[in-house]
Amino acid sequence: MAKVNQNGTQTDTTVSVSLPDEVSVELVQANPLRHYELYGALAALLSSFATGFATAYFTTKPKEAALMWSALAFSTLTVLFVILTFIFRSKIFHGSVKKKIKLNEFK
């Protein structure tokens, strides 16, 4: 506990710090993480393309076959990249390596 002088300032302070006995760090593989981010970004981008072509197809009066096929192609690619994203996500969460070190051994 700090002691207070006559003018109201503290003369000494005690700081207590407690540290855990052991530190644990969970590491993930970089390659699956990179693929996960890439496929997630591609799925988000291609879903916008698929939505745009589908909207264009359904709002035009003479239905254009090219718009429909473009929407289907981008939708298929979106589904493919979503599946790949979930595959690599499971590799990241189930393929991690846990490292532990005791603080008294740490130098």
PDB file of N, CA and C in Angstrom:
ATOM      1  N   MET A   1       0.847  -1.169   0.000  1.00  0.00           N
ATOM      2  CA  MET A   1       0.000   0.000   0.000  1.00  0.00           C
ATOM      3  C   MET A   1       0.890   1.228   0.000  1.00  0.00           C
ATOM      4  N   ALA A   2       0.498   2.216  -0.751  1.00  0.00           N
ATOM      5  CA  ALA A   2       1.293   3.441  -0.880  1.00  0.00           C
ATOM      6  C   ALA A   2       1.096   4.330   0.329  1.00  0.00           C
ATOM      7  N   LYS A   3       2.184   4.965   0.724  1.00  0.00           N
ATOM      8  CA  LYS A   3       2.121   5.932   1.822  1.00  0.00           C
ATOM      9  C   LYS A   3       1.984   7.325   1.230  1.00  0.00           C
ATOM     10  N   VAL A   4       1.207   8.169   1.872  1.00  0.00           N
ATOM     11  CA  VAL A   4       0.934   9.514   1.368  1.00  0.00           C
ATOM     12  C   VAL A   4       1.617  10.531   2.276  1.00  0.00           C
ATOM     13  N   ASN A   5       2.347  11.477   1.675  1.00  0.00           N
ATOM     14  CA  ASN A   5       2.991  12.574   2.427  1.00  0.00           C
ATOM     15  C   ASN A   5       1.949  13.581   2.886  1.00  0.00           C
ATOM     16  N   GLN A   6       2.446  14.606   3.567  1.00  0.00           N
ATOM     17  CA  GLN A   6       1.554  15.680   4.016  1.00  0.00           C
ATOM     18  C   GLN A   6       0.994  16.469   2.839  1.00  0.00           C
ATOM     19  N   ASN A   7       1.767  16.588   1.744  1.00  0.00           N
ATOM     20  CA  ASN A   7       1.274  17.350   0.593  1.00  0.00           C
ATOM     21  C   ASN A   7       0.433  16.501  -0.363  1.00  0.00           C
ATOM     22  N   GLY A   8       0.204  15.252  -0.060  1.00  0.00           N
ATOM     23  CA  GLY A   8      -0.694  14.408  -0.841  1.00  0.00           C
ATOM     24  C   GLY A   8      -0.017  13.549  -1.901  1.00  0.00           C
ATOM     25  N   THR A   9       1.316  13.510  -1.945  1.00  0.00           N
ATOM     26  CA  THR A   9       2.004  12.671  -2.925  1.00  0.00           C
ATOM     27  C   THR A   9       2.378  11.342  -2.297  1.00  0.00           C
ATOM     28  N   GLN A  10       2.507  10.336  -3.131  1.00  0.00           N
ATOM     29  CA  GLN A  10       2.856   9.011  -2.643  1.00  0.00           C
ATOM     30  C   GLN A  10       4.371   8.889  -2.530  1.00  0.00           C
ATOM     31  N   THR A  11       4.822   8.212  -1.482  1.00  0.00           N
ATOM     32  CA  THR A  11       6.262   8.054  -1.271  1.00  0.00           C
ATOM     33  C   THR A  11       6.782   6.740  -1.830  1.00  0.00           C
ATOM     34  N   ASP A  12       6.028   5.688  -1.754  1.00  0.00           N
ATOM     35  CA  ASP A  12       6.464   4.418  -2.326  1.00  0.00           C
ATOM     36  C   ASP A  12       5.252   3.632  -2.811  1.00  0.00           C
ATOM     37  N   THR A  13       5.482   2.838  -3.805  1.00  0.00           N
ATOM     38  CA  THR A  13       4.422   2.031  -4.391  1.00  0.00           C
ATOM     39  C   THR A  13       4.953   0.617  -4.574  1.00  0.00           C
ATOM     40  N   THR A  14       4.149  -0.359  -4.252  1.00  0.00           N
ATOM     41  CA  THR A  14       4.517  -1.748  -4.441  1.00  0.00           C
ATOM     42  C   THR A  14       3.745  -2.294  -5.631  1.00  0.00           C
ATOM     43  N   VAL A  15       4.475  -2.848  -6.585  1.00  0.00           N
ATOM     44  CA  VAL A  15       3.859  -3.439  -7.770  1.00  0.00           C
ATOM     45  C   VAL A  15       4.044  -4.941  -7.685  1.00  0.00           C
ATOM     46  N   SER A  16       2.960  -5.659  -7.814  1.00  0.00           N
ATOM     47  CA  SER A  16       3.002  -7.112  -7.768  1.00  0.00           C
ATOM     48  C   SER A  16       2.619  -7.656  -9.140  1.00  0.00           C
ATOM     49  N   VAL A  17       3.505  -8.480  -9.720  1.00  0.00           N
ATOM     50  CA  VAL A  17       3.268  -9.065 -11.039  1.00  0.00           C
ATOM     51  C   VAL A  17       3.292 -10.571 -10.890  1.00  0.00           C
ATOM     52  N   SER A  18       2.279 -11.229 -11.408  1.00  0.00           N
ATOM     53  CA  SER A  18       2.271 -12.685 -11.380  1.00  0.00           C
ATOM     54  C   SER A  18       2.266 -13.204 -12.814  1.00  0.00           C
ATOM     55  N   LEU A  19       3.083 -14.203 -13.077  1.00  0.00           N
ATOM     56  CA  LEU A  19       3.211 -14.801 -14.401  1.00  0.00           C
ATOM     57  C   LEU A  19       2.771 -16.256 -14.336  1.00  0.00           C
ATOM     58  N   PRO A  20       2.248 -16.782 -15.434  1.00  0.00           N
ATOM     59  CA  PRO A  20       1.875 -18.199 -15.437  1.00  0.00           C
ATOM     60  C   PRO A  20       3.132 -19.075 -15.431  1.00  0.00           C
ATOM     61  N   ASP A  21       2.966 -20.321 -15.036  1.00  0.00           N
ATOM     62  CA  ASP A  21       4.096 -21.248 -15.022  1.00  0.00           C
ATOM     63  C   ASP A  21       4.487 -21.683 -16.428  1.00  0.00           C
ATOM     64  N   GLU A  22       3.496 -21.690 -17.332  1.00  0.00           N
ATOM     65  CA  GLU A  22       3.729 -22.225 -18.671  1.00  0.00           C
ATOM     66  C   GLU A  22       3.019 -21.362 -19.702  1.00  0.00           C
ATOM     67  N   VAL A  23       3.652 -21.178 -20.869  1.00  0.00           N
ATOM     68  CA  VAL A  23       3.055 -20.427 -21.967  1.00  0.00           C
ATOM     69  C   VAL A  23       2.819 -21.403 -23.114  1.00  0.00           C
ATOM     70  N   SER A  24       1.622 -21.362 -23.693  1.00  0.00           N
ATOM     71  CA  SER A  24       1.267 -22.241 -24.797  1.00  0.00           C
ATOM     72  C   SER A  24       0.911 -21.404 -26.019  1.00  0.00           C
ATOM     73  N   VAL A  25       1.491 -21.769 -27.172  1.00  0.00           N
ATOM     74  CA  VAL A  25       1.245 -21.058 -28.423  1.00  0.00           C
ATOM     75  C   VAL A  25       0.774 -22.070 -29.456  1.00  0.00           C
ATOM     76  N   GLU A  26      -0.305 -21.736 -30.153  1.00  0.00           N
ATOM     77  CA  GLU A  26      -0.826 -22.614 -31.193  1.00  0.00           C
ATOM     78  C   GLU A  26      -0.393 -22.071 -32.551  1.00  0.00           C
ATOM     79  N   LEU A  27       0.352 -22.886 -33.295  1.00  0.00           N
ATOM     80  CA  LEU A  27       0.883 -22.486 -34.599  1.00  0.00           C
ATOM     81  C   LEU A  27       0.085 -23.154 -35.709  1.00  0.00           C
ATOM     82  N   VAL A  28      -0.123 -22.440 -36.809  1.00  0.00           N
ATOM     83  CA  VAL A  28      -0.811 -23.011 -37.968  1.00  0.00           C
ATOM     84  C   VAL A  28       0.154 -23.033 -39.142  1.00  0.00           C
ATOM     85  N   GLN A  29      -0.099 -23.939 -40.072  1.00  0.00           N
ATOM     86  CA  GLN A  29       0.719 -24.026 -41.275  1.00  0.00           C
ATOM     87  C   GLN A  29       0.408 -22.841 -42.187  1.00  0.00           C
ATOM     88  N   ALA A  30       1.421 -22.258 -42.777  1.00  0.00           N
ATOM     89  CA  ALA A  30       1.242 -21.050 -43.586  1.00  0.00           C
ATOM     90  C   ALA A  30       0.585 -21.345 -44.930  1.00  0.00           C
ATOM     91  N   ASN A  31       0.892 -22.474 -45.545  1.00  0.00           N
ATOM     92  CA  ASN A  31       0.356 -22.763 -46.874  1.00  0.00           C
ATOM     93  C   ASN A  31      -1.161 -22.941 -46.869  1.00  0.00           C
ATOM     94  N   PRO A  32      -1.744 -23.756 -45.975  1.00  0.00           N
ATOM     95  CA  PRO A  32      -3.210 -23.822 -45.930  1.00  0.00           C
ATOM     96  C   PRO A  32      -3.860 -22.494 -45.562  1.00  0.00           C
ATOM     97  N   LEU A  33      -3.206 -21.707 -44.725  1.00  0.00           N
ATOM     98  CA  LEU A  33      -3.749 -20.397 -44.373  1.00  0.00           C
ATOM     99  C   LEU A  33      -3.791 -19.488 -45.597  1.00  0.00           C
ATOM    100  N   ARG A  34      -2.745 -19.527 -46.410  1.00  0.00           N
ATOM    101  CA  ARG A  34      -2.707 -18.714 -47.630  1.00  0.00           C
ATOM    102  C   ARG A  34      -3.802 -19.151 -48.606  1.00  0.00           C
ATOM    103  N   HIS A  35      -3.965 -20.465 -48.784  1.00  0.00           N
ATOM    104  CA  HIS A  35      -5.012 -20.960 -49.678  1.00  0.00           C
ATOM    105  C   HIS A  35      -6.399 -20.617 -49.156  1.00  0.00           C
ATOM    106  N   TYR A  36      -6.589 -20.710 -47.845  1.00  0.00           N
ATOM    107  CA  TYR A  36      -7.875 -20.365 -47.238  1.00  0.00           C
ATOM    108  C   TYR A  36      -8.239 -18.914 -47.527  1.00  0.00           C
ATOM    109  N   GLU A  37      -7.296 -18.007 -47.349  1.00  0.00           N
ATOM    110  CA  GLU A  37      -7.565 -16.590 -47.613  1.00  0.00           C
ATOM    111  C   GLU A  37      -7.807 -16.339 -49.096  1.00  0.00           C
ATOM    112  N   LEU A  38      -7.027 -16.985 -49.967  1.00  0.00           N
ATOM    113  CA  LEU A  38      -7.180 -16.797 -51.410  1.00  0.00           C
ATOM    114  C   LEU A  38      -8.538 -17.296 -51.887  1.00  0.00           C
ATOM    115  N   TYR A  39      -8.917 -18.513 -51.493  1.00  0.00           N
ATOM    116  CA  TYR A  39     -10.189 -19.067 -51.951  1.00  0.00           C
ATOM    117  C   TYR A  39     -11.378 -18.327 -51.356  1.00  0.00           C
ATOM    118  N   GLY A  40     -11.249 -17.842 -50.147  1.00  0.00           N
ATOM    119  CA  GLY A  40     -12.322 -17.036 -49.557  1.00  0.00           C
ATOM    120  C   GLY A  40     -12.522 -15.733 -50.309  1.00  0.00           C
ATOM    121  N   ALA A  41     -11.426 -15.084 -50.688  1.00  0.00           N
ATOM    122  CA  ALA A  41     -11.523 -13.837 -51.451  1.00  0.00           C
ATOM    123  C   ALA A  41     -12.099 -14.085 -52.843  1.00  0.00           C
ATOM    124  N   LEU A  42     -11.675 -15.170 -53.488  1.00  0.00           N
ATOM    125  CA  LEU A  42     -12.214 -15.487 -54.818  1.00  0.00           C
ATOM    126  C   LEU A  42     -13.701 -15.828 -54.750  1.00  0.00           C
ATOM    127  N   ALA A  43     -14.117 -16.527 -53.714  1.00  0.00           N
ATOM    128  CA  ALA A  43     -15.542 -16.841 -53.562  1.00  0.00           C
ATOM    129  C   ALA A  43     -16.359 -15.571 -53.383  1.00  0.00           C
ATOM    130  N   ALA A  44     -15.849 -14.632 -52.608  1.00  0.00           N
ATOM    131  CA  ALA A  44     -16.565 -13.367 -52.408  1.00  0.00           C
ATOM    132  C   ALA A  44     -16.639 -12.565 -53.703  1.00  0.00           C
ATOM    133  N   LEU A  45     -15.550 -12.527 -54.451  1.00  0.00           N
ATOM    134  CA  LEU A  45     -15.521 -11.774 -55.702  1.00  0.00           C
ATOM    135  C   LEU A  45     -16.434 -12.401 -56.751  1.00  0.00           C
ATOM    136  N   LEU A  46     -16.343 -13.712 -56.908  1.00  0.00           N
ATOM    137  CA  LEU A  46     -17.144 -14.381 -57.935  1.00  0.00           C
ATOM    138  C   LEU A  46     -18.625 -14.408 -57.590  1.00  0.00           C
ATOM    139  N   SER A  47     -18.965 -14.369 -56.310  1.00  0.00           N
ATOM    140  CA  SER A  47     -20.386 -14.310 -55.960  1.00  0.00           C
ATOM    141  C   SER A  47     -20.996 -12.989 -56.419  1.00  0.00           C
ATOM    142  N   SER A  48     -20.214 -11.921 -56.389  1.00  0.00           N
ATOM    143  CA  SER A  48     -20.702 -10.636 -56.909  1.00  0.00           C
ATOM    144  C   SER A  48     -20.923 -10.711 -58.413  1.00  0.00           C
ATOM    145  N   PHE A  49     -19.991 -11.347 -59.124  1.00  0.00           N
ATOM    146  CA  PHE A  49     -20.158 -11.504 -60.573  1.00  0.00           C
ATOM    147  C   PHE A  49     -21.399 -12.332 -60.891  1.00  0.00           C
ATOM    148  N   ALA A  50     -21.579 -13.432 -60.159  1.00  0.00           N
ATOM    149  CA  ALA A  50     -22.731 -14.300 -60.402  1.00  0.00           C
ATOM    150  C   ALA A  50     -24.034 -13.560 -60.134  1.00  0.00           C
ATOM    151  N   THR A  51     -24.074 -12.792 -59.067  1.00  0.00           N
ATOM    152  CA  THR A  51     -25.273 -12.015 -58.746  1.00  0.00           C
ATOM    153  C   THR A  51     -25.553 -10.969 -59.815  1.00  0.00           C
ATOM    154  N   GLY A  52     -24.512 -10.314 -60.295  1.00  0.00           N
ATOM    155  CA  GLY A  52     -24.686  -9.301 -61.340  1.00  0.00           C
ATOM    156  C   GLY A  52     -25.222  -9.888 -62.635  1.00  0.00           C
ATOM    157  N   PHE A  53     -24.660 -10.998 -63.081  1.00  0.00           N
ATOM    158  CA  PHE A  53     -25.141 -11.621 -64.315  1.00  0.00           C
ATOM    159  C   PHE A  53     -26.544 -12.195 -64.145  1.00  0.00           C
ATOM    160  N   ALA A  54     -26.848 -12.762 -62.973  1.00  0.00           N
ATOM    161  CA  ALA A  54     -28.198 -13.285 -62.740  1.00  0.00           C
ATOM    162  C   ALA A  54     -29.218 -12.155 -62.716  1.00  0.00           C
ATOM    163  N   THR A  55     -28.872 -11.038 -62.110  1.00  0.00           N
ATOM    164  CA  THR A  55     -29.771  -9.881 -62.097  1.00  0.00           C
ATOM    165  C   THR A  55     -29.994  -9.355 -63.505  1.00  0.00           C
ATOM    166  N   ALA A  56     -28.923  -9.286 -64.280  1.00  0.00           N
ATOM    167  CA  ALA A  56     -29.051  -8.826 -65.668  1.00  0.00           C
ATOM    168  C   ALA A  56     -29.912  -9.782 -66.482  1.00  0.00           C
ATOM    169  N   TYR A  57     -29.765 -11.078 -66.257  1.00  0.00           N
ATOM    170  CA  TYR A  57     -30.561 -12.053 -67.005  1.00  0.00           C
ATOM    171  C   TYR A  57     -32.041 -11.930 -66.664  1.00  0.00           C
ATOM    172  N   PHE A  58     -32.360 -11.803 -65.384  1.00  0.00           N
ATOM    173  CA  PHE A  58     -33.766 -11.775 -64.985  1.00  0.00           C
ATOM    174  C   PHE A  58     -34.443 -10.435 -65.223  1.00  0.00           C
ATOM    175  N   THR A  59     -33.699  -9.372 -65.443  1.00  0.00           N
ATOM    176  CA  THR A  59     -34.323  -8.063 -65.663  1.00  0.00           C
ATOM    177  C   THR A  59     -34.430  -7.680 -67.134  1.00  0.00           C
ATOM    178  N   THR A  60     -33.806  -8.415 -68.029  1.00  0.00           N
ATOM    179  CA  THR A  60     -33.948  -8.108 -69.459  1.00  0.00           C
ATOM    180  C   THR A  60     -35.168  -8.823 -70.005  1.00  0.00           C
ATOM    181  N   LYS A  61     -35.859  -8.143 -70.933  1.00  0.00           N
ATOM    182  CA  LYS A  61     -37.073  -8.753 -71.494  1.00  0.00           C
ATOM    183  C   LYS A  61     -36.751  -9.860 -72.490  1.00  0.00           C
ATOM    184  N   PRO A  62     -36.024  -9.615 -73.541  1.00  0.00           N
ATOM    185  CA  PRO A  62     -35.640 -10.810 -74.316  1.00  0.00           C
ATOM    186  C   PRO A  62     -34.496 -11.498 -73.567  1.00  0.00           C
ATOM    187  N   LYS A  63     -34.765 -12.663 -73.024  1.00  0.00           N
ATOM    188  CA  LYS A  63     -33.777 -13.360 -72.193  1.00  0.00           C
ATOM    189  C   LYS A  63     -32.556 -13.727 -73.038  1.00  0.00           C
ATOM    190  N   GLU A  64     -31.405 -13.279 -72.570  1.00  0.00           N
ATOM    191  CA  GLU A  64     -30.143 -13.556 -73.252  1.00  0.00           C
ATOM    192  C   GLU A  64     -29.536 -14.834 -72.677  1.00  0.00           C
ATOM    193  N   ALA A  65     -29.256 -15.790 -73.535  1.00  0.00           N
ATOM    194  CA  ALA A  65     -28.671 -17.056 -73.087  1.00  0.00           C
ATOM    195  C   ALA A  65     -27.258 -16.849 -72.548  1.00  0.00           C
ATOM    196  N   ALA A  66     -26.540 -15.893 -73.124  1.00  0.00           N
ATOM    197  CA  ALA A  66     -25.165 -15.645 -72.669  1.00  0.00           C
ATOM    198  C   ALA A  66     -25.147 -15.167 -71.219  1.00  0.00           C
ATOM    199  N   LEU A  67     -26.131 -14.356 -70.837  1.00  0.00           N
ATOM    200  CA  LEU A  67     -26.199 -13.893 -69.446  1.00  0.00           C
ATOM    201  C   LEU A  67     -26.489 -15.054 -68.493  1.00  0.00           C
ATOM    202  N   MET A  68     -27.391 -15.941 -68.921  1.00  0.00           N
ATOM    203  CA  MET A  68     -27.727 -17.089 -68.081  1.00  0.00           C
ATOM    204  C   MET A  68     -26.511 -18.000 -67.900  1.00  0.00           C
ATOM    205  N   TRP A  69     -25.804 -18.293 -68.999  1.00  0.00           N
ATOM    206  CA  TRP A  69     -24.654 -19.183 -68.909  1.00  0.00           C
ATOM    207  C   TRP A  69     -23.512 -18.543 -68.115  1.00  0.00           C
ATOM    208  N   SER A  70     -23.370 -17.247 -68.245  1.00  0.00           N
ATOM    209  CA  SER A  70     -22.349 -16.551 -67.448  1.00  0.00           C
ATOM    210  C   SER A  70     -22.694 -16.613 -65.962  1.00  0.00           C
ATOM    211  N   ALA A  71     -23.964 -16.396 -65.639  1.00  0.00           N
ATOM    212  CA  ALA A  71     -24.397 -16.475 -64.241  1.00  0.00           C
ATOM    213  C   ALA A  71     -24.194 -17.884 -63.687  1.00  0.00           C
ATOM    214  N   LEU A  72     -24.515 -18.895 -64.489  1.00  0.00           N
ATOM    215  CA  LEU A  72     -24.325 -20.279 -64.038  1.00  0.00           C
ATOM    216  C   LEU A  72     -22.843 -20.615 -63.867  1.00  0.00           C
ATOM    217  N   ALA A  73     -22.006 -20.137 -64.779  1.00  0.00           N
ATOM    218  CA  ALA A  73     -20.568 -20.413 -64.678  1.00  0.00           C
ATOM    219  C   ALA A  73     -19.983 -19.762 -63.422  1.00  0.00           C
ATOM    220  N   PHE A  74     -20.326 -18.493 -63.193  1.00  0.00           N
ATOM    221  CA  PHE A  74     -19.804 -17.820 -62.003  1.00  0.00           C
ATOM    222  C   PHE A  74     -20.386 -18.409 -60.724  1.00  0.00           C
ATOM    223  N   SER A  75     -21.637 -18.862 -60.770  1.00  0.00           N
ATOM    224  CA  SER A  75     -22.234 -19.508 -59.590  1.00  0.00           C
ATOM    225  C   SER A  75     -21.533 -20.823 -59.280  1.00  0.00           C
ATOM    226  N   THR A  76     -21.226 -21.589 -60.321  1.00  0.00           N
ATOM    227  CA  THR A  76     -20.521 -22.857 -60.133  1.00  0.00           C
ATOM    228  C   THR A  76     -19.130 -22.626 -59.549  1.00  0.00           C
ATOM    229  N   LEU A  77     -18.426 -21.638 -60.091  1.00  0.00           N
ATOM    230  CA  LEU A  77     -17.104 -21.320 -59.551  1.00  0.00           C
ATOM    231  C   LEU A  77     -17.189 -20.831 -58.101  1.00  0.00           C
ATOM    232  N   THR A  78     -18.229 -20.068 -57.794  1.00  0.00           N
ATOM    233  CA  THR A  78     -18.410 -19.596 -56.416  1.00  0.00           C
ATOM    234  C   THR A  78     -18.605 -20.767 -55.464  1.00  0.00           C
ATOM    235  N   VAL A  79     -19.461 -21.709 -55.847  1.00  0.00           N
ATOM    236  CA  VAL A  79     -19.700 -22.888 -55.004  1.00  0.00           C
ATOM    237  C   VAL A  79     -18.411 -23.693 -54.845  1.00  0.00           C
ATOM    238  N   LEU A  80     -17.643 -23.838 -55.928  1.00  0.00           N
ATOM    239  CA  LEU A  80     -16.379 -24.568 -55.863  1.00  0.00           C
ATOM    240  C   LEU A  80     -15.412 -23.902 -54.884  1.00  0.00           C
ATOM    241  N   PHE A  81     -15.285 -22.585 -54.975  1.00  0.00           N
ATOM    242  CA  PHE A  81     -14.355 -21.887 -54.089  1.00  0.00           C
ATOM    243  C   PHE A  81     -14.849 -21.861 -52.644  1.00  0.00           C
ATOM    244  N   VAL A  82     -16.150 -21.859 -52.424  1.00  0.00           N
ATOM    245  CA  VAL A  82     -16.676 -21.949 -51.050  1.00  0.00           C
ATOM    246  C   VAL A  82     -16.336 -23.314 -50.457  1.00  0.00           C
ATOM    247  N   ILE A  83     -16.481 -24.367 -51.252  1.00  0.00           N
ATOM    248  CA  ILE A  83     -16.134 -25.715 -50.778  1.00  0.00           C
ATOM    249  C   ILE A  83     -14.644 -25.792 -50.451  1.00  0.00           C
ATOM    250  N   LEU A  84     -13.802 -25.258 -51.346  1.00  0.00           N
ATOM    251  CA  LEU A  84     -12.360 -25.260 -51.092  1.00  0.00           C
ATOM    252  C   LEU A  84     -12.005 -24.435 -49.856  1.00  0.00           C
ATOM    253  N   THR A  85     -12.727 -23.342 -49.652  1.00  0.00           N
ATOM    254  CA  THR A  85     -12.487 -22.520 -48.465  1.00  0.00           C
ATOM    255  C   THR A  85     -12.761 -23.316 -47.195  1.00  0.00           C
ATOM    256  N   PHE A  86     -13.855 -24.065 -47.170  1.00  0.00           N
ATOM    257  CA  PHE A  86     -14.165 -24.859 -45.979  1.00  0.00           C
ATOM    258  C   PHE A  86     -13.190 -26.018 -45.801  1.00  0.00           C
ATOM    259  N   ILE A  87     -12.709 -26.598 -46.896  1.00  0.00           N
ATOM    260  CA  ILE A  87     -11.715 -27.673 -46.788  1.00  0.00           C
ATOM    261  C   ILE A  87     -10.433 -27.145 -46.148  1.00  0.00           C
ATOM    262  N   PHE A  88      -9.947 -26.010 -46.638  1.00  0.00           N
ATOM    263  CA  PHE A  88      -8.714 -25.462 -46.079  1.00  0.00           C
ATOM    264  C   PHE A  88      -8.928 -24.897 -44.680  1.00  0.00           C
ATOM    265  N   ARG A  89     -10.135 -24.458 -44.383  1.00  0.00           N
ATOM    266  CA  ARG A  89     -10.436 -23.993 -43.020  1.00  0.00           C
ATOM    267  C   ARG A  89     -10.322 -25.151 -42.030  1.00  0.00           C
ATOM    268  N   SER A  90     -10.829 -26.320 -42.421  1.00  0.00           N
ATOM    269  CA  SER A  90     -10.716 -27.476 -41.523  1.00  0.00           C
ATOM    270  C   SER A  90      -9.264 -27.912 -41.372  1.00  0.00           C
ATOM    271  N   LYS A  91      -8.456 -27.773 -42.440  1.00  0.00           N
ATOM    272  CA  LYS A  91      -7.034 -28.109 -42.325  1.00  0.00           C
ATOM    273  C   LYS A  91      -6.324 -27.166 -41.362  1.00  0.00           C
ATOM    274  N   ILE A  92      -6.732 -25.906 -41.363  1.00  0.00           N
ATOM    275  CA  ILE A  92      -6.100 -24.936 -40.467  1.00  0.00           C
ATOM    276  C   ILE A  92      -6.449 -25.242 -39.016  1.00  0.00           C
ATOM    277  N   PHE A  93      -7.730 -25.503 -38.739  1.00  0.00           N
ATOM    278  CA  PHE A  93      -8.149 -25.689 -37.353  1.00  0.00           C
ATOM    279  C   PHE A  93      -7.780 -27.054 -36.799  1.00  0.00           C
ATOM    280  N   HIS A  94      -7.657 -28.065 -37.670  1.00  0.00           N
ATOM    281  CA  HIS A  94      -7.344 -29.400 -37.170  1.00  0.00           C
ATOM    282  C   HIS A  94      -5.891 -29.784 -37.394  1.00  0.00           C
ATOM    283  N   GLY A  95      -5.120 -28.942 -38.062  1.00  0.00           N
ATOM    284  CA  GLY A  95      -3.726 -29.266 -38.330  1.00  0.00           C
ATOM    285  C   GLY A  95      -2.748 -28.361 -37.626  1.00  0.00           C
ATOM    286  N   SER A  96      -3.189 -27.744 -36.558  1.00  0.00           N
ATOM    287  CA  SER A  96      -2.304 -26.811 -35.861  1.00  0.00           C
ATOM    288  C   SER A  96      -1.350 -27.573 -34.938  1.00  0.00           C
ATOM    289  N   VAL A  97      -0.241 -26.936 -34.644  1.00  0.00           N
ATOM    290  CA  VAL A  97       0.776 -27.503 -33.765  1.00  0.00           C
ATOM    291  C   VAL A  97       0.819 -26.650 -32.500  1.00  0.00           C
ATOM    292  N   LYS A  98       0.768 -27.313 -31.350  1.00  0.00           N
ATOM    293  CA  LYS A  98       0.806 -26.585 -30.082  1.00  0.00           C
ATOM    294  C   LYS A  98       2.198 -26.713 -29.474  1.00  0.00           C
ATOM    295  N   LYS A  99       2.769 -25.580 -29.162  1.00  0.00           N
ATOM    296  CA  LYS A  99       4.088 -25.544 -28.521  1.00  0.00           C
ATOM    297  C   LYS A  99       3.919 -24.994 -27.112  1.00  0.00           C
ATOM    298  N   LYS A 100       4.568 -25.659 -26.150  1.00  0.00           N
ATOM    299  CA  LYS A 100       4.504 -25.221 -24.757  1.00  0.00           C
ATOM    300  C   LYS A 100       5.918 -25.051 -24.231  1.00  0.00           C
ATOM    301  N   ILE A 101       6.086 -24.073 -23.384  1.00  0.00           N
ATOM    302  CA  ILE A 101       7.377 -23.857 -22.737  1.00  0.00           C
ATOM    303  C   ILE A 101       7.126 -23.398 -21.307  1.00  0.00           C
ATOM    304  N   LYS A 102       7.921 -23.930 -20.405  1.00  0.00           N
ATOM    305  CA  LYS A 102       7.836 -23.492 -19.014  1.00  0.00           C
ATOM    306  C   LYS A 102       8.690 -22.237 -18.871  1.00  0.00           C
ATOM    307  N   LEU A 103       8.180 -21.273 -18.145  1.00  0.00           N
ATOM    308  CA  LEU A 103       8.877 -20.000 -18.028  1.00  0.00           C
ATOM    309  C   LEU A 103      10.195 -20.107 -17.271  1.00  0.00           C
ATOM    310  N   ASN A 104      10.327 -21.102 -16.394  1.00  0.00           N
ATOM    311  CA  ASN A 104      11.602 -21.236 -15.691  1.00  0.00           C
ATOM    312  C   ASN A 104      12.682 -21.833 -16.599  1.00  0.00           C
ATOM    313  N   GLU A 105      12.298 -22.446 -17.739  1.00  0.00           N
ATOM    314  CA  GLU A 105      13.256 -22.962 -18.718  1.00  0.00           C
ATOM    315  C   GLU A 105      13.581 -21.927 -19.788  1.00  0.00           C
ATOM    316  N   PHE A 106      12.789 -20.897 -19.889  1.00  0.00           N
ATOM    317  CA  PHE A 106      12.959 -19.869 -20.917  1.00  0.00           C
ATOM    318  C   PHE A 106      14.151 -18.980 -20.583  1.00  0.00           C
ATOM    319  N   LYS A 107      15.015 -18.788 -21.557  1.00  0.00           N
ATOM    320  CA  LYS A 107      16.190 -17.949 -21.305  1.00  0.00           C
ATOM    321  C   LYS A 107      16.310 -16.909 -22.368  1.00  0.00           C
TER     322      LYS A 107
END
